[in-house]
Amino acid sequence: MRVSDKKLNASLKKQIRETFEQALVDLKDRNELSIFLNDFFTESEMEAFSKRLAIAYWLKKGRSYSNIKENLKVSSATIASVQTQMEEKGLKLALEKIEAEEWANQWAEKIKNFIK
């Protein structure tokens, strides 16, 4: 039996989840987060999570399933699963953060070009 197949006590499960979340919140910058993620997750886990976010981003931008499949090397089932998750608050929040960063970068570039 894999460790993840064993059921935890609900109270303990909540406590360790909150501890994990707090550890992430307490990381002070992108560099610390990168160090943690690279040490904590395997390369394949990081790739899987990163691809799921990329799928959501590209779906929101209007890319086709075939384009996403070809570029990210994922299955149609994975894309469909992510598309279903796009209605969840967490993924919506992540996509809003990405779009806000894009918007800020675009305006920073326009301002920089205007000042030149």
C-alpha atoms as a PDB file:
ATOM      1  CA  MET A   1       0.000   0.000   0.000  1.00  0.00           C
ATOM      2  CA  ARG A   2       1.312   3.436  -0.914  1.00  0.00           C
ATOM      3  CA  VAL A   3       1.517   6.012   1.869  1.00  0.00           C
ATOM      4  CA  SER A   4      -1.019   8.217   0.059  1.00  0.00           C
ATOM      5  CA  ASP A   5      -3.583   5.378   0.141  1.00  0.00           C
ATOM      6  CA  LYS A   6      -3.692   5.352   3.947  1.00  0.00           C
ATOM      7  CA  LYS A   7      -6.341   7.537   5.569  1.00  0.00           C
ATOM      8  CA  LEU A   8      -5.176  10.132   8.081  1.00  0.00           C
ATOM      9  CA  ASN A   9      -7.092  11.267  11.102  1.00  0.00           C
ATOM     10  CA  ALA A  10      -9.114  14.298   9.911  1.00  0.00           C
ATOM     11  CA  SER A  11      -7.706  16.589  12.595  1.00  0.00           C
ATOM     12  CA  LEU A  12      -4.117  15.585  11.854  1.00  0.00           C
ATOM     13  CA  LYS A  13      -4.750  15.933   8.118  1.00  0.00           C
ATOM     14  CA  LYS A  14      -5.989  19.500   8.660  1.00  0.00           C
ATOM     15  CA  GLN A  15      -3.025  20.348  10.892  1.00  0.00           C
ATOM     16  CA  ILE A  16      -0.348  19.104   8.490  1.00  0.00           C
ATOM     17  CA  ARG A  17      -2.097  20.796   5.543  1.00  0.00           C
ATOM     18  CA  GLU A  18      -2.119  24.107   7.415  1.00  0.00           C
ATOM     19  CA  THR A  19       1.553  23.663   8.310  1.00  0.00           C
ATOM     20  CA  PHE A  20       2.429  23.045   4.652  1.00  0.00           C
ATOM     21  CA  GLU A  21       0.424  26.101   3.555  1.00  0.00           C
ATOM     22  CA  GLN A  22       2.080  28.262   6.227  1.00  0.00           C
ATOM     23  CA  ALA A  23       5.527  27.105   5.147  1.00  0.00           C
ATOM     24  CA  LEU A  24       4.730  28.293   1.613  1.00  0.00           C
ATOM     25  CA  VAL A  25       3.363  31.624   2.816  1.00  0.00           C
ATOM     26  CA  ASP A  26       6.452  32.208   4.956  1.00  0.00           C
ATOM     27  CA  LEU A  27       8.866  31.904   2.047  1.00  0.00           C
ATOM     28  CA  LYS A  28       9.980  35.476   1.474  1.00  0.00           C
ATOM     29  CA  ASP A  29      10.568  35.613  -2.264  1.00  0.00           C
ATOM     30  CA  ARG A  30      10.615  33.734  -5.548  1.00  0.00           C
ATOM     31  CA  ASN A  31      14.167  32.501  -4.954  1.00  0.00           C
ATOM     32  CA  GLU A  32      13.254  30.874  -1.630  1.00  0.00           C
ATOM     33  CA  LEU A  33      10.138  29.370  -3.198  1.00  0.00           C
ATOM     34  CA  SER A  34      12.197  27.982  -6.077  1.00  0.00           C
ATOM     35  CA  ILE A  35      14.703  26.415  -3.680  1.00  0.00           C
ATOM     36  CA  PHE A  36      11.899  24.822  -1.665  1.00  0.00           C
ATOM     37  CA  LEU A  37       9.985  23.516  -4.689  1.00  0.00           C
ATOM     38  CA  ASN A  38      13.105  22.072  -6.324  1.00  0.00           C
ATOM     39  CA  ASP A  39      14.089  20.275  -3.135  1.00  0.00           C
ATOM     40  CA  PHE A  40      10.602  19.184  -2.099  1.00  0.00           C
ATOM     41  CA  PHE A  41       9.097  17.944  -5.377  1.00  0.00           C
ATOM     42  CA  THR A  42      10.617  15.541  -7.857  1.00  0.00           C
ATOM     43  CA  GLU A  43      11.362  16.798 -11.348  1.00  0.00           C
ATOM     44  CA  SER A  44       8.357  14.905 -12.727  1.00  0.00           C
ATOM     45  CA  GLU A  45       6.031  16.303 -10.027  1.00  0.00           C
ATOM     46  CA  MET A  46       7.175  19.853 -10.797  1.00  0.00           C
ATOM     47  CA  GLU A  47       6.686  19.260 -14.507  1.00  0.00           C
ATOM     48  CA  ALA A  48       3.197  17.843 -13.963  1.00  0.00           C
ATOM     49  CA  PHE A  49       2.058  20.776 -11.816  1.00  0.00           C
ATOM     50  CA  SER A  50       3.659  23.316 -14.138  1.00  0.00           C
ATOM     51  CA  LYS A  51       2.036  21.737 -17.188  1.00  0.00           C
ATOM     52  CA  ARG A  52      -1.394  21.833 -15.543  1.00  0.00           C
ATOM     53  CA  LEU A  53      -1.049  25.562 -14.943  1.00  0.00           C
ATOM     54  CA  ALA A  54       0.237  26.082 -18.501  1.00  0.00           C
ATOM     55  CA  ILE A  55      -2.741  24.130 -19.884  1.00  0.00           C
ATOM     56  CA  ALA A  56      -5.156  26.359 -17.969  1.00  0.00           C
ATOM     57  CA  TYR A  57      -3.357  29.502 -19.107  1.00  0.00           C
ATOM     58  CA  TRP A  58      -3.343  28.444 -22.757  1.00  0.00           C
ATOM     59  CA  LEU A  59      -6.989  27.356 -22.636  1.00  0.00           C
ATOM     60  CA  LYS A  60      -7.897  30.763 -21.255  1.00  0.00           C
ATOM     61  CA  LYS A  61      -5.917  32.369 -24.091  1.00  0.00           C
ATOM     62  CA  GLY A  62      -7.955  30.359 -26.604  1.00  0.00           C
ATOM     63  CA  ARG A  63      -5.437  27.761 -27.737  1.00  0.00           C
ATOM     64  CA  SER A  64      -6.829  24.559 -29.182  1.00  0.00           C
ATOM     65  CA  TYR A  65      -6.561  21.126 -27.601  1.00  0.00           C
ATOM     66  CA  SER A  66      -4.357  19.965 -30.482  1.00  0.00           C
ATOM     67  CA  ASN A  67      -1.982  22.907 -30.035  1.00  0.00           C
ATOM     68  CA  ILE A  68      -1.717  22.292 -26.289  1.00  0.00           C
ATOM     69  CA  LYS A  69      -1.299  18.534 -26.786  1.00  0.00           C
ATOM     70  CA  GLU A  70       1.485  19.013 -29.292  1.00  0.00           C
ATOM     71  CA  ASN A  71       3.397  21.699 -27.404  1.00  0.00           C
ATOM     72  CA  LEU A  72       3.060  20.417 -23.841  1.00  0.00           C
ATOM     73  CA  LYS A  73       3.062  16.706 -24.669  1.00  0.00           C
ATOM     74  CA  VAL A  74      -0.107  15.997 -22.670  1.00  0.00           C
ATOM     75  CA  SER A  75      -3.206  13.931 -23.378  1.00  0.00           C
ATOM     76  CA  SER A  76      -6.650  15.217 -24.301  1.00  0.00           C
ATOM     77  CA  ALA A  77      -7.873  13.726 -21.019  1.00  0.00           C
ATOM     78  CA  THR A  78      -5.415  15.858 -19.061  1.00  0.00           C
ATOM     79  CA  ILE A  79      -6.504  18.974 -20.929  1.00  0.00           C
ATOM     80  CA  ALA A  80     -10.169  18.149 -20.318  1.00  0.00           C
ATOM     81  CA  SER A  81      -9.471  17.589 -16.617  1.00  0.00           C
ATOM     82  CA  VAL A  82      -7.748  20.967 -16.312  1.00  0.00           C
ATOM     83  CA  GLN A  83     -10.547  22.643 -18.265  1.00  0.00           C
ATOM     84  CA  THR A  84     -13.026  21.323 -15.708  1.00  0.00           C
ATOM     85  CA  GLN A  85     -10.841  22.624 -12.865  1.00  0.00           C
ATOM     86  CA  MET A  86     -10.757  26.110 -14.396  1.00  0.00           C
ATOM     87  CA  GLU A  87     -14.043  26.923 -12.662  1.00  0.00           C
ATOM     88  CA  GLU A  88     -12.470  26.335  -9.256  1.00  0.00           C
ATOM     89  CA  LYS A  89     -11.457  29.382  -7.203  1.00  0.00           C
ATOM     90  CA  GLY A  90      -7.835  28.356  -6.773  1.00  0.00           C
ATOM     91  CA  LEU A  91      -7.049  28.013 -10.449  1.00  0.00           C
ATOM     92  CA  LYS A  92      -8.979  31.184 -11.270  1.00  0.00           C
ATOM     93  CA  LEU A  93      -6.915  33.028  -8.664  1.00  0.00           C
ATOM     94  CA  ALA A  94      -3.633  31.732 -10.084  1.00  0.00           C
ATOM     95  CA  LEU A  95      -4.638  32.747 -13.608  1.00  0.00           C
ATOM     96  CA  GLU A  96      -5.660  36.218 -12.398  1.00  0.00           C
ATOM     97  CA  LYS A  97      -2.221  36.620 -10.792  1.00  0.00           C
ATOM     98  CA  ILE A  98      -0.490  35.578 -14.023  1.00  0.00           C
ATOM     99  CA  GLU A  99      -2.596  37.980 -16.077  1.00  0.00           C
ATOM    100  CA  ALA A 100      -1.962  40.836 -13.637  1.00  0.00           C
ATOM    101  CA  GLU A 101       1.779  40.230 -13.912  1.00  0.00           C
ATOM    102  CA  GLU A 102       1.536  40.190 -17.719  1.00  0.00           C
ATOM    103  CA  TRP A 103      -0.421  43.443 -17.699  1.00  0.00           C
ATOM    104  CA  ALA A 104       2.115  45.099 -15.386  1.00  0.00           C
ATOM    105  CA  ASN A 105       5.014  43.927 -17.548  1.00  0.00           C
ATOM    106  CA  GLN A 106       3.361  45.205 -20.728  1.00  0.00           C
ATOM    107  CA  TRP A 107       2.766  48.632 -19.211  1.00  0.00           C
ATOM    108  CA  ALA A 108       6.266  48.782 -17.755  1.00  0.00           C
ATOM    109  CA  GLU A 109       7.658  48.121 -21.229  1.00  0.00           C
ATOM    110  CA  LYS A 110       5.408  50.795 -22.786  1.00  0.00           C
ATOM    111  CA  ILE A 111       6.472  53.340 -20.176  1.00  0.00           C
ATOM    112  CA  LYS A 112      10.138  52.444 -20.654  1.00  0.00           C
ATOM    113  CA  ASN A 113       9.785  52.909 -24.425  1.00  0.00           C
ATOM    114  CA  PHE A 114       7.926  56.203 -23.965  1.00  0.00           C
ATOM    115  CA  ILE A 115      10.650  57.609 -21.669  1.00  0.00           C
ATOM    116  CA  LYS A 116      13.418  56.736 -24.150  1.00  0.00           C
END
